[in-house]
């Protein structure tokens, strides 16, 4: 598929370059006669990321395919497979260049969070109006009193907005335990907050709910992260995974990304697929099949650092 390109700012220089291979395989108990899939597997070009190359192929071969852009501006692909099949493999492969993002020193010198909250709905700039779509409840993110109370432990009166957001990022990392068996896609935020366990999707949506509960726009980012093998061990093929984090709207800096799963300000090890209100807007792959019965799913992601070419 072809990827719509956007120009980087004049003078932009890549600080990191990666190759990402994402393979999703379904094995069906019985034959599937028709499969229609909606794919969010194309890295999104934007100010901090440039897509150098990208391809997606499926086995069996796609009978019909159509590229498009969703409501949030993400690249999507609709595919239909009409050949009977007992398994499905979706292979996405990309090379991306990343540019250096704002540092900790820059994000601490921002407006008090109350000032940003009060700007929403009053400012009429295109950027602020666009950010307002991420202020409200969405299918997987809503707010409730306990969520706001948790947020306000970081968002104290007069505190700079992004300094408070970083503190919330760190608190979620410290207060919650990563547990891949504790939650499912449909687990409500109330259960995540009370159980203090979950995965990156849960932590991202929890932080988004906290921010929206106090009137600050926040969006869900779907993508990948470079993982580091133990010292002296080789990087394993397929050992990485899809990842999720949070983007916070700041009037002076634009959108600034935080990763509560890893307690960090996003810099040059996160590769963005796309963004939306929550997980439901940017699921890497979803669709319908006729037949199939029970199915087994296997997902493998490999993120490989590449040399940054001169002049990139």
C-alpha atoms as a PDB file:
ATOM      1  CA  UNK A   1       0.000   0.000   0.000  1.00  0.00           C
ATOM      2  CA  UNK A   2       1.090   3.603  -0.546  1.00  0.00           C
ATOM      3  CA  UNK A   3       1.611   5.813   2.476  1.00  0.00           C
ATOM      4  CA  UNK A   4       0.588   9.503   2.332  1.00  0.00           C
ATOM      5  CA  UNK A   5       3.703  11.505   3.201  1.00  0.00           C
ATOM      6  CA  UNK A   6       3.994  14.848   4.965  1.00  0.00           C
ATOM      7  CA  UNK A   7       7.027  17.088   4.971  1.00  0.00           C
ATOM      8  CA  UNK A   8       9.160  17.406   8.058  1.00  0.00           C
ATOM      9  CA  UNK A   9       9.898  20.944   9.250  1.00  0.00           C
ATOM     10  CA  UNK A  10      12.767  22.604   7.380  1.00  0.00           C
ATOM     11  CA  UNK A  11      16.085  21.581   8.911  1.00  0.00           C
ATOM     12  CA  UNK A  12      14.604  18.599  10.789  1.00  0.00           C
ATOM     13  CA  UNK A  13      17.173  15.896  11.532  1.00  0.00           C
ATOM     14  CA  UNK A  14      16.420  12.297  12.491  1.00  0.00           C
ATOM     15  CA  UNK A  15      17.722  11.182  15.892  1.00  0.00           C
ATOM     16  CA  UNK A  16      16.689   7.530  15.532  1.00  0.00           C
ATOM     17  CA  UNK A  17      15.708   5.086  12.802  1.00  0.00           C
ATOM     18  CA  UNK A  18      13.853   1.786  13.217  1.00  0.00           C
ATOM     19  CA  UNK A  19      12.551  -1.157  11.267  1.00  0.00           C
ATOM     20  CA  UNK A  20       9.311  -2.576  12.654  1.00  0.00           C
ATOM     21  CA  UNK A  21       7.855  -5.949  11.707  1.00  0.00           C
ATOM     22  CA  UNK A  22       4.386  -6.723  13.064  1.00  0.00           C
ATOM     23  CA  UNK A  23       2.875 -10.139  12.326  1.00  0.00           C
ATOM     24  CA  UNK A  24      -0.611 -11.226  13.379  1.00  0.00           C
ATOM     25  CA  UNK A  25      -1.609 -14.836  12.775  1.00  0.00           C
ATOM     26  CA  UNK A  26      -5.013 -16.433  13.279  1.00  0.00           C
ATOM     27  CA  UNK A  27      -5.458 -20.200  13.194  1.00  0.00           C
ATOM     28  CA  UNK A  28      -9.095 -21.239  12.817  1.00  0.00           C
ATOM     29  CA  UNK A  29     -10.777 -24.421  14.005  1.00  0.00           C
ATOM     30  CA  UNK A  30     -12.835 -24.637  10.805  1.00  0.00           C
ATOM     31  CA  UNK A  31     -12.767 -22.996   7.392  1.00  0.00           C
ATOM     32  CA  UNK A  32     -13.447 -19.280   7.019  1.00  0.00           C
ATOM     33  CA  UNK A  33     -15.381 -18.520   3.843  1.00  0.00           C
ATOM     34  CA  UNK A  34     -15.259 -14.705   4.067  1.00  0.00           C
ATOM     35  CA  UNK A  35     -13.092 -12.303   6.070  1.00  0.00           C
ATOM     36  CA  UNK A  36     -13.287  -8.507   6.166  1.00  0.00           C
ATOM     37  CA  UNK A  37     -10.631  -6.653   8.167  1.00  0.00           C
ATOM     38  CA  UNK A  38      -9.937  -3.042   9.119  1.00  0.00           C
ATOM     39  CA  UNK A  39      -6.232  -2.375   9.687  1.00  0.00           C
ATOM     40  CA  UNK A  40      -4.449   0.369  11.653  1.00  0.00           C
ATOM     41  CA  UNK A  41      -0.930  -0.882  10.880  1.00  0.00           C
ATOM     42  CA  UNK A  42       0.577   2.045   8.997  1.00  0.00           C
ATOM     43  CA  UNK A  43       2.869   4.370  11.036  1.00  0.00           C
ATOM     44  CA  UNK A  44       1.515   7.897  11.042  1.00  0.00           C
ATOM     45  CA  UNK A  45       3.745  10.654   9.646  1.00  0.00           C
ATOM     46  CA  UNK A  46       3.746  13.797  11.819  1.00  0.00           C
ATOM     47  CA  UNK A  47       6.135  16.410  13.194  1.00  0.00           C
ATOM     48  CA  UNK A  48       8.253  13.925  15.184  1.00  0.00           C
ATOM     49  CA  UNK A  49       8.051  10.937  12.828  1.00  0.00           C
ATOM     50  CA  UNK A  50       8.643  10.291   9.150  1.00  0.00           C
ATOM     51  CA  UNK A  51       7.672   7.045   7.406  1.00  0.00           C
ATOM     52  CA  UNK A  52      10.510   6.055   5.117  1.00  0.00           C
ATOM     53  CA  UNK A  53       8.894   2.871   3.801  1.00  0.00           C
ATOM     54  CA  UNK A  54       5.907   0.673   4.546  1.00  0.00           C
ATOM     55  CA  UNK A  55       4.204  -2.433   3.223  1.00  0.00           C
ATOM     56  CA  UNK A  56       1.409  -4.754   4.289  1.00  0.00           C
ATOM     57  CA  UNK A  57       0.689  -8.169   2.838  1.00  0.00           C
ATOM     58  CA  UNK A  58      -1.712 -10.933   3.791  1.00  0.00           C
ATOM     59  CA  UNK A  59      -1.839 -14.691   3.348  1.00  0.00           C
ATOM     60  CA  UNK A  60      -4.174 -15.659   1.785  1.00  0.00           C
ATOM     61  CA  UNK A  61      -3.950 -12.897  -0.790  1.00  0.00           C
ATOM     62  CA  UNK A  62      -6.444 -10.048  -0.483  1.00  0.00           C
ATOM     63  CA  UNK A  63      -9.380 -10.258  -2.882  1.00  0.00           C
ATOM     64  CA  UNK A  64     -10.304  -6.584  -2.454  1.00  0.00           C
ATOM     65  CA  UNK A  65      -8.428  -3.763  -0.702  1.00  0.00           C
ATOM     66  CA  UNK A  66      -8.886  -0.063  -0.175  1.00  0.00           C
ATOM     67  CA  UNK A  67      -6.666   2.501   1.564  1.00  0.00           C
ATOM     68  CA  UNK A  68      -8.125   5.444   3.433  1.00  0.00           C
ATOM     69  CA  UNK A  69      -7.887   7.902   6.314  1.00  0.00           C
ATOM     70  CA  UNK A  70     -10.086   7.702   9.399  1.00  0.00           C
ATOM     71  CA  UNK A  71     -11.800  10.512  11.326  1.00  0.00           C
ATOM     72  CA  UNK A  72      -8.630  11.198  13.341  1.00  0.00           C
ATOM     73  CA  UNK A  73      -6.344  11.362  10.290  1.00  0.00           C
ATOM     74  CA  UNK A  74      -4.791   7.907  10.713  1.00  0.00           C
ATOM     75  CA  UNK A  75      -3.954   5.782   7.681  1.00  0.00           C
ATOM     76  CA  UNK A  76      -6.208   2.713   7.454  1.00  0.00           C
ATOM     77  CA  UNK A  77      -6.688  -0.199   5.097  1.00  0.00           C
ATOM     78  CA  UNK A  78      -9.888  -2.171   4.445  1.00  0.00           C
ATOM     79  CA  UNK A  79      -9.381  -5.688   3.081  1.00  0.00           C
ATOM     80  CA  UNK A  80     -11.659  -8.535   2.060  1.00  0.00           C
ATOM     81  CA  UNK A  81     -10.645 -12.172   1.596  1.00  0.00           C
ATOM     82  CA  UNK A  82     -13.119 -14.339  -0.286  1.00  0.00           C
ATOM     83  CA  UNK A  83     -10.914 -17.409  -0.703  1.00  0.00           C
ATOM     84  CA  UNK A  84     -11.727 -20.139   1.873  1.00  0.00           C
ATOM     85  CA  UNK A  85      -8.925 -20.357   4.436  1.00  0.00           C
ATOM     86  CA  UNK A  86      -8.039 -22.036   7.734  1.00  0.00           C
ATOM     87  CA  UNK A  87      -5.473 -19.434   8.818  1.00  0.00           C
ATOM     88  CA  UNK A  88      -4.763 -15.752   8.277  1.00  0.00           C
ATOM     89  CA  UNK A  89      -1.408 -13.985   8.400  1.00  0.00           C
ATOM     90  CA  UNK A  90      -1.112 -10.188   8.325  1.00  0.00           C
ATOM     91  CA  UNK A  91       2.460  -8.936   7.886  1.00  0.00           C
ATOM     92  CA  UNK A  92       3.224  -5.211   8.297  1.00  0.00           C
ATOM     93  CA  UNK A  93       6.755  -3.923   7.816  1.00  0.00           C
ATOM     94  CA  UNK A  94       7.926  -0.317   8.171  1.00  0.00           C
ATOM     95  CA  UNK A  95      11.011   1.848   8.400  1.00  0.00           C
ATOM     96  CA  UNK A  96      10.572   5.091  10.334  1.00  0.00           C
ATOM     97  CA  UNK A  97      12.719   8.068  11.250  1.00  0.00           C
ATOM     98  CA  UNK A  98      12.207   9.846  14.574  1.00  0.00           C
ATOM     99  CA  UNK A  99      13.066  13.436  15.439  1.00  0.00           C
ATOM    100  CA  UNK A 100      14.063  14.726  18.891  1.00  0.00           C
ATOM    101  CA  UNK A 101      11.092  15.859  21.009  1.00  0.00           C
ATOM    102  CA  UNK A 102      10.805  18.487  23.772  1.00  0.00           C
ATOM    103  CA  UNK A 103      12.962  17.707  26.802  1.00  0.00           C
ATOM    104  CA  UNK A 104      12.083  17.702  30.487  1.00  0.00           C
ATOM    105  CA  UNK A 105      13.499  21.199  30.882  1.00  0.00           C
ATOM    106  CA  UNK A 106      11.013  22.577  28.333  1.00  0.00           C
ATOM    107  CA  UNK A 107       7.908  20.851  29.668  1.00  0.00           C
ATOM    108  CA  UNK A 108       8.290  22.124  33.238  1.00  0.00           C
ATOM    109  CA  UNK A 109       7.990  25.760  32.091  1.00  0.00           C
ATOM    110  CA  UNK A 110       4.332  25.625  31.017  1.00  0.00           C
ATOM    111  CA  UNK A 111       1.145  27.381  32.077  1.00  0.00           C
ATOM    112  CA  UNK A 112      -0.661  26.393  35.280  1.00  0.00           C
ATOM    113  CA  UNK A 113      -3.018  23.554  34.475  1.00  0.00           C
ATOM    114  CA  UNK A 114      -6.074  25.604  35.470  1.00  0.00           C
ATOM    115  CA  UNK A 115      -5.187  28.170  32.791  1.00  0.00           C
ATOM    116  CA  UNK A 116      -5.095  25.467  30.134  1.00  0.00           C
ATOM    117  CA  UNK A 117      -8.390  24.028  31.375  1.00  0.00           C
ATOM    118  CA  UNK A 118     -10.034  27.451  31.182  1.00  0.00           C
ATOM    119  CA  UNK A 119      -8.777  27.979  27.624  1.00  0.00           C
ATOM    120  CA  UNK A 120     -10.706  24.975  26.346  1.00  0.00           C
ATOM    121  CA  UNK A 121     -13.963  26.179  24.842  1.00  0.00           C
ATOM    122  CA  UNK A 122     -12.828  29.808  24.827  1.00  0.00           C
ATOM    123  CA  UNK A 123      -9.885  29.787  22.434  1.00  0.00           C
ATOM    124  CA  UNK A 124     -10.987  29.498  18.804  1.00  0.00           C
ATOM    125  CA  UNK A 125      -7.681  28.532  17.193  1.00  0.00           C
ATOM    126  CA  UNK A 126      -7.713  25.451  14.951  1.00  0.00           C
ATOM    127  CA  UNK A 127      -5.332  23.599  17.279  1.00  0.00           C
ATOM    128  CA  UNK A 128      -7.459  24.214  20.378  1.00  0.00           C
ATOM    129  CA  UNK A 129     -10.695  23.318  18.629  1.00  0.00           C
ATOM    130  CA  UNK A 130      -9.101  20.103  17.373  1.00  0.00           C
ATOM    131  CA  UNK A 131      -7.932  19.283  20.910  1.00  0.00           C
ATOM    132  CA  UNK A 132     -11.481  19.674  22.251  1.00  0.00           C
ATOM    133  CA  UNK A 133     -12.541  16.406  20.614  1.00  0.00           C
ATOM    134  CA  UNK A 134     -10.344  14.655  23.228  1.00  0.00           C
ATOM    135  CA  UNK A 135     -12.050  16.294  26.227  1.00  0.00           C
ATOM    136  CA  UNK A 136     -15.063  14.053  26.509  1.00  0.00           C
ATOM    137  CA  UNK A 137     -16.023  10.522  27.474  1.00  0.00           C
ATOM    138  CA  UNK A 138     -15.403   7.787  24.893  1.00  0.00           C
ATOM    139  CA  UNK A 139     -16.250   4.066  24.658  1.00  0.00           C
ATOM    140  CA  UNK A 140     -13.452   2.946  27.007  1.00  0.00           C
ATOM    141  CA  UNK A 141     -12.772   6.165  28.934  1.00  0.00           C
ATOM    142  CA  UNK A 142     -15.187   8.006  31.197  1.00  0.00           C
ATOM    143  CA  UNK A 143     -14.679   9.831  34.450  1.00  0.00           C
ATOM    144  CA  UNK A 144     -15.979   9.329  37.974  1.00  0.00           C
ATOM    145  CA  UNK A 145     -15.230  10.965  41.360  1.00  0.00           C
ATOM    146  CA  UNK A 146     -12.454   8.559  42.386  1.00  0.00           C
ATOM    147  CA  UNK A 147     -10.646   9.171  39.108  1.00  0.00           C
ATOM    148  CA  UNK A 148     -10.717  12.938  39.554  1.00  0.00           C
ATOM    149  CA  UNK A 149      -9.536  12.551  43.157  1.00  0.00           C
ATOM    150  CA  UNK A 150      -6.577  10.465  41.975  1.00  0.00           C
ATOM    151  CA  UNK A 151      -5.715  13.085  39.335  1.00  0.00           C
ATOM    152  CA  UNK A 152      -5.804  15.979  41.784  1.00  0.00           C
ATOM    153  CA  UNK A 153      -3.022  14.467  43.879  1.00  0.00           C
ATOM    154  CA  UNK A 154      -0.751  15.555  41.007  1.00  0.00           C
ATOM    155  CA  UNK A 155      -2.716  18.532  39.702  1.00  0.00           C
ATOM    156  CA  UNK A 156      -2.447  20.750  42.737  1.00  0.00           C
ATOM    157  CA  UNK A 157      -3.413  24.459  42.563  1.00  0.00           C
ATOM    158  CA  UNK A 158      -1.161  26.505  40.275  1.00  0.00           C
ATOM    159  CA  UNK A 159       1.116  23.632  39.244  1.00  0.00           C
ATOM    160  CA  UNK A 160       2.491  23.817  35.672  1.00  0.00           C
ATOM    161  CA  UNK A 161       0.374  21.586  33.441  1.00  0.00           C
ATOM    162  CA  UNK A 162       3.051  19.288  32.031  1.00  0.00           C
ATOM    163  CA  UNK A 163       4.972  19.078  35.297  1.00  0.00           C
ATOM    164  CA  UNK A 164       1.776  17.755  36.873  1.00  0.00           C
ATOM    165  CA  UNK A 165       1.238  15.377  33.926  1.00  0.00           C
ATOM    166  CA  UNK A 166       4.726  13.959  34.418  1.00  0.00           C
ATOM    167  CA  UNK A 167       4.030  13.478  38.112  1.00  0.00           C
ATOM    168  CA  UNK A 168       0.808  11.607  37.261  1.00  0.00           C
ATOM    169  CA  UNK A 169       2.778   9.441  34.819  1.00  0.00           C
ATOM    170  CA  UNK A 170       5.225   8.485  37.559  1.00  0.00           C
ATOM    171  CA  UNK A 171       2.508   7.849  40.142  1.00  0.00           C
ATOM    172  CA  UNK A 172       0.657   5.419  37.856  1.00  0.00           C
ATOM    173  CA  UNK A 173       3.925   3.552  37.315  1.00  0.00           C
ATOM    174  CA  UNK A 174       4.558   3.338  41.054  1.00  0.00           C
ATOM    175  CA  UNK A 175       0.983   2.609  42.179  1.00  0.00           C
ATOM    176  CA  UNK A 176       0.011   0.008  39.574  1.00  0.00           C
ATOM    177  CA  UNK A 177       1.461  -3.394  38.733  1.00  0.00           C
ATOM    178  CA  UNK A 178       1.823  -4.673  35.187  1.00  0.00           C
ATOM    179  CA  UNK A 179      -0.210  -7.878  34.971  1.00  0.00           C
ATOM    180  CA  UNK A 180      -1.225  -9.238  31.563  1.00  0.00           C
ATOM    181  CA  UNK A 181      -3.849 -11.524  33.125  1.00  0.00           C
ATOM    182  CA  UNK A 182      -5.597  -8.965  35.328  1.00  0.00           C
ATOM    183  CA  UNK A 183      -7.707  -7.242  32.667  1.00  0.00           C
ATOM    184  CA  UNK A 184      -9.362  -7.619  29.275  1.00  0.00           C
ATOM    185  CA  UNK A 185     -10.162  -5.123  26.537  1.00  0.00           C
ATOM    186  CA  UNK A 186     -13.545  -4.420  28.107  1.00  0.00           C
ATOM    187  CA  UNK A 187     -12.358  -4.065  31.735  1.00  0.00           C
ATOM    188  CA  UNK A 188     -13.813  -0.767  33.080  1.00  0.00           C
ATOM    189  CA  UNK A 189     -11.580   1.935  34.514  1.00  0.00           C
ATOM    190  CA  UNK A 190     -13.227   1.566  37.928  1.00  0.00           C
ATOM    191  CA  UNK A 191     -11.839  -1.970  38.150  1.00  0.00           C
ATOM    192  CA  UNK A 192      -8.404  -0.917  36.935  1.00  0.00           C
ATOM    193  CA  UNK A 193      -8.255   1.872  39.523  1.00  0.00           C
ATOM    194  CA  UNK A 194      -9.437  -0.285  42.411  1.00  0.00           C
ATOM    195  CA  UNK A 195      -7.382  -3.350  41.454  1.00  0.00           C
ATOM    196  CA  UNK A 196      -4.188  -1.384  40.728  1.00  0.00           C
ATOM    197  CA  UNK A 197      -3.199  -3.885  38.006  1.00  0.00           C
ATOM    198  CA  UNK A 198      -3.303  -3.991  34.225  1.00  0.00           C
ATOM    199  CA  UNK A 199      -1.372  -3.507  30.989  1.00  0.00           C
ATOM    200  CA  UNK A 200      -0.227  -0.537  28.920  1.00  0.00           C
ATOM    201  CA  UNK A 201      -3.680  -0.065  27.387  1.00  0.00           C
ATOM    202  CA  UNK A 202      -5.233   0.166  30.870  1.00  0.00           C
ATOM    203  CA  UNK A 203      -2.625   2.571  32.202  1.00  0.00           C
ATOM    204  CA  UNK A 204      -2.938   4.831  29.153  1.00  0.00           C
ATOM    205  CA  UNK A 205      -6.725   4.944  29.384  1.00  0.00           C
ATOM    206  CA  UNK A 206      -6.556   5.495  33.152  1.00  0.00           C
ATOM    207  CA  UNK A 207      -4.281   8.499  32.693  1.00  0.00           C
ATOM    208  CA  UNK A 208      -6.485   9.846  29.906  1.00  0.00           C
ATOM    209  CA  UNK A 209      -9.525   9.520  32.169  1.00  0.00           C
ATOM    210  CA  UNK A 210      -7.702  11.390  34.930  1.00  0.00           C
ATOM    211  CA  UNK A 211      -6.824  14.259  32.620  1.00  0.00           C
ATOM    212  CA  UNK A 212     -10.269  14.558  31.066  1.00  0.00           C
ATOM    213  CA  UNK A 213     -11.884  14.451  34.513  1.00  0.00           C
ATOM    214  CA  UNK A 214     -10.240  17.802  35.320  1.00  0.00           C
ATOM    215  CA  UNK A 215     -10.938  19.367  31.914  1.00  0.00           C
ATOM    216  CA  UNK A 216      -7.664  18.696  30.069  1.00  0.00           C
ATOM    217  CA  UNK A 217      -7.593  17.141  26.563  1.00  0.00           C
ATOM    218  CA  UNK A 218      -5.739  13.834  26.225  1.00  0.00           C
ATOM    219  CA  UNK A 219      -5.572  11.294  23.445  1.00  0.00           C
ATOM    220  CA  UNK A 220      -4.643   7.610  23.207  1.00  0.00           C
ATOM    221  CA  UNK A 221      -1.561   6.692  21.164  1.00  0.00           C
ATOM    222  CA  UNK A 222      -1.135   3.254  19.608  1.00  0.00           C
ATOM    223  CA  UNK A 223       2.282   2.108  18.470  1.00  0.00           C
ATOM    224  CA  UNK A 224       5.446   0.265  19.425  1.00  0.00           C
ATOM    225  CA  UNK A 225       8.354   0.724  21.803  1.00  0.00           C
ATOM    226  CA  UNK A 226      11.946  -0.397  21.517  1.00  0.00           C
ATOM    227  CA  UNK A 227      12.664  -2.928  24.258  1.00  0.00           C
ATOM    228  CA  UNK A 228      16.122  -3.649  25.599  1.00  0.00           C
ATOM    229  CA  UNK A 229      17.269  -7.253  26.127  1.00  0.00           C
ATOM    230  CA  UNK A 230      19.159  -8.185  29.303  1.00  0.00           C
ATOM    231  CA  UNK A 231      22.818  -7.208  29.236  1.00  0.00           C
ATOM    232  CA  UNK A 232      24.822  -9.678  27.188  1.00  0.00           C
ATOM    233  CA  UNK A 233      21.727 -11.229  25.589  1.00  0.00           C
ATOM    234  CA  UNK A 234      20.802 -10.872  21.901  1.00  0.00           C
ATOM    235  CA  UNK A 235      17.707  -9.009  20.728  1.00  0.00           C
ATOM    236  CA  UNK A 236      15.034 -11.654  20.055  1.00  0.00           C
ATOM    237  CA  UNK A 237      12.880 -11.668  16.939  1.00  0.00           C
ATOM    238  CA  UNK A 238       9.203 -11.290  17.838  1.00  0.00           C
ATOM    239  CA  UNK A 239       9.884 -10.431  21.482  1.00  0.00           C
ATOM    240  CA  UNK A 240       8.494  -6.883  21.323  1.00  0.00           C
ATOM    241  CA  UNK A 241       4.791  -5.998  21.427  1.00  0.00           C
ATOM    242  CA  UNK A 242       2.259  -3.369  20.521  1.00  0.00           C
ATOM    243  CA  UNK A 243       2.261  -0.513  22.997  1.00  0.00           C
ATOM    244  CA  UNK A 244       0.056   2.371  24.135  1.00  0.00           C
ATOM    245  CA  UNK A 245       0.697   5.707  25.784  1.00  0.00           C
ATOM    246  CA  UNK A 246      -0.839   9.178  26.260  1.00  0.00           C
ATOM    247  CA  UNK A 247      -0.619  12.515  24.492  1.00  0.00           C
ATOM    248  CA  UNK A 248      -1.453  15.728  26.382  1.00  0.00           C
ATOM    249  CA  UNK A 249      -2.393  18.977  24.650  1.00  0.00           C
ATOM    250  CA  UNK A 250      -0.257  21.968  25.635  1.00  0.00           C
ATOM    251  CA  UNK A 251      -1.031  25.346  24.002  1.00  0.00           C
ATOM    252  CA  UNK A 252       2.640  26.388  23.791  1.00  0.00           C
ATOM    253  CA  UNK A 253       4.170  23.048  22.709  1.00  0.00           C
ATOM    254  CA  UNK A 254       1.338  21.220  20.974  1.00  0.00           C
ATOM    255  CA  UNK A 255       0.871  17.561  21.872  1.00  0.00           C
ATOM    256  CA  UNK A 256       3.359  16.107  24.352  1.00  0.00           C
ATOM    257  CA  UNK A 257       3.522  12.335  24.932  1.00  0.00           C
ATOM    258  CA  UNK A 258       3.885  10.484  28.256  1.00  0.00           C
ATOM    259  CA  UNK A 259       4.248   6.745  28.866  1.00  0.00           C
ATOM    260  CA  UNK A 260       2.820   5.726  32.279  1.00  0.00           C
ATOM    261  CA  UNK A 261       3.781   2.065  31.740  1.00  0.00           C
ATOM    262  CA  UNK A 262       7.446   3.044  31.606  1.00  0.00           C
ATOM    263  CA  UNK A 263       7.366   6.235  33.728  1.00  0.00           C
ATOM    264  CA  UNK A 264       8.814   8.443  31.038  1.00  0.00           C
ATOM    265  CA  UNK A 265       8.401  11.413  28.785  1.00  0.00           C
ATOM    266  CA  UNK A 266       8.325   9.962  25.264  1.00  0.00           C
ATOM    267  CA  UNK A 267      11.517  10.721  23.358  1.00  0.00           C
ATOM    268  CA  UNK A 268      13.070   8.562  20.624  1.00  0.00           C
ATOM    269  CA  UNK A 269      12.112   4.934  21.372  1.00  0.00           C
ATOM    270  CA  UNK A 270       8.367   5.083  20.674  1.00  0.00           C
ATOM    271  CA  UNK A 271       7.015   4.509  17.141  1.00  0.00           C
ATOM    272  CA  UNK A 272       3.514   5.892  16.571  1.00  0.00           C
ATOM    273  CA  UNK A 273       0.876   4.040  14.547  1.00  0.00           C
ATOM    274  CA  UNK A 274      -1.950   6.475  15.201  1.00  0.00           C
ATOM    275  CA  UNK A 275      -4.143   8.158  17.784  1.00  0.00           C
ATOM    276  CA  UNK A 276      -7.736   8.477  18.870  1.00  0.00           C
ATOM    277  CA  UNK A 277      -9.964   8.873  21.920  1.00  0.00           C
ATOM    278  CA  UNK A 278      -9.132   5.405  23.281  1.00  0.00           C
ATOM    279  CA  UNK A 279      -8.167   1.880  22.208  1.00  0.00           C
ATOM    280  CA  UNK A 280     -11.364   1.371  20.208  1.00  0.00           C
ATOM    281  CA  UNK A 281     -10.395   4.081  17.716  1.00  0.00           C
ATOM    282  CA  UNK A 282      -6.984   2.640  16.801  1.00  0.00           C
ATOM    283  CA  UNK A 283      -7.196  -1.116  17.264  1.00  0.00           C
ATOM    284  CA  UNK A 284      -4.378  -2.491  15.046  1.00  0.00           C
ATOM    285  CA  UNK A 285      -6.737  -5.047  13.482  1.00  0.00           C
ATOM    286  CA  UNK A 286     -10.426  -5.774  13.793  1.00  0.00           C
ATOM    287  CA  UNK A 287     -13.016  -7.335  11.539  1.00  0.00           C
ATOM    288  CA  UNK A 288     -15.586 -10.050  10.928  1.00  0.00           C
ATOM    289  CA  UNK A 289     -15.341 -13.584   9.597  1.00  0.00           C
ATOM    290  CA  UNK A 290     -17.878 -16.129   8.375  1.00  0.00           C
ATOM    291  CA  UNK A 291     -17.069 -19.527   9.803  1.00  0.00           C
ATOM    292  CA  UNK A 292     -13.854 -20.304  11.629  1.00  0.00           C
ATOM    293  CA  UNK A 293     -15.197 -21.556  14.955  1.00  0.00           C
ATOM    294  CA  UNK A 294     -12.652 -21.228  17.748  1.00  0.00           C
ATOM    295  CA  UNK A 295      -9.476 -19.353  16.865  1.00  0.00           C
ATOM    296  CA  UNK A 296      -5.941 -19.062  18.155  1.00  0.00           C
ATOM    297  CA  UNK A 297      -4.139 -15.746  17.951  1.00  0.00           C
ATOM    298  CA  UNK A 298      -0.399 -15.169  17.833  1.00  0.00           C
ATOM    299  CA  UNK A 299       1.154 -11.702  17.564  1.00  0.00           C
ATOM    300  CA  UNK A 300       4.846 -11.017  17.097  1.00  0.00           C
ATOM    301  CA  UNK A 301       6.492  -7.595  16.922  1.00  0.00           C
ATOM    302  CA  UNK A 302      10.154  -6.902  16.261  1.00  0.00           C
ATOM    303  CA  UNK A 303      11.621  -3.376  16.576  1.00  0.00           C
ATOM    304  CA  UNK A 304      15.174  -3.143  15.229  1.00  0.00           C
ATOM    305  CA  UNK A 305      17.376  -0.035  15.515  1.00  0.00           C
ATOM    306  CA  UNK A 306      18.928   1.026  12.209  1.00  0.00           C
ATOM    307  CA  UNK A 307      21.767   3.440  11.398  1.00  0.00           C
ATOM    308  CA  UNK A 308      20.635   7.030  10.839  1.00  0.00           C
ATOM    309  CA  UNK A 309      21.663   7.853   7.313  1.00  0.00           C
ATOM    310  CA  UNK A 310      23.577  11.048   6.633  1.00  0.00           C
ATOM    311  CA  UNK A 311      21.327  13.964   5.784  1.00  0.00           C
ATOM    312  CA  UNK A 312      18.137  12.255   7.023  1.00  0.00           C
END
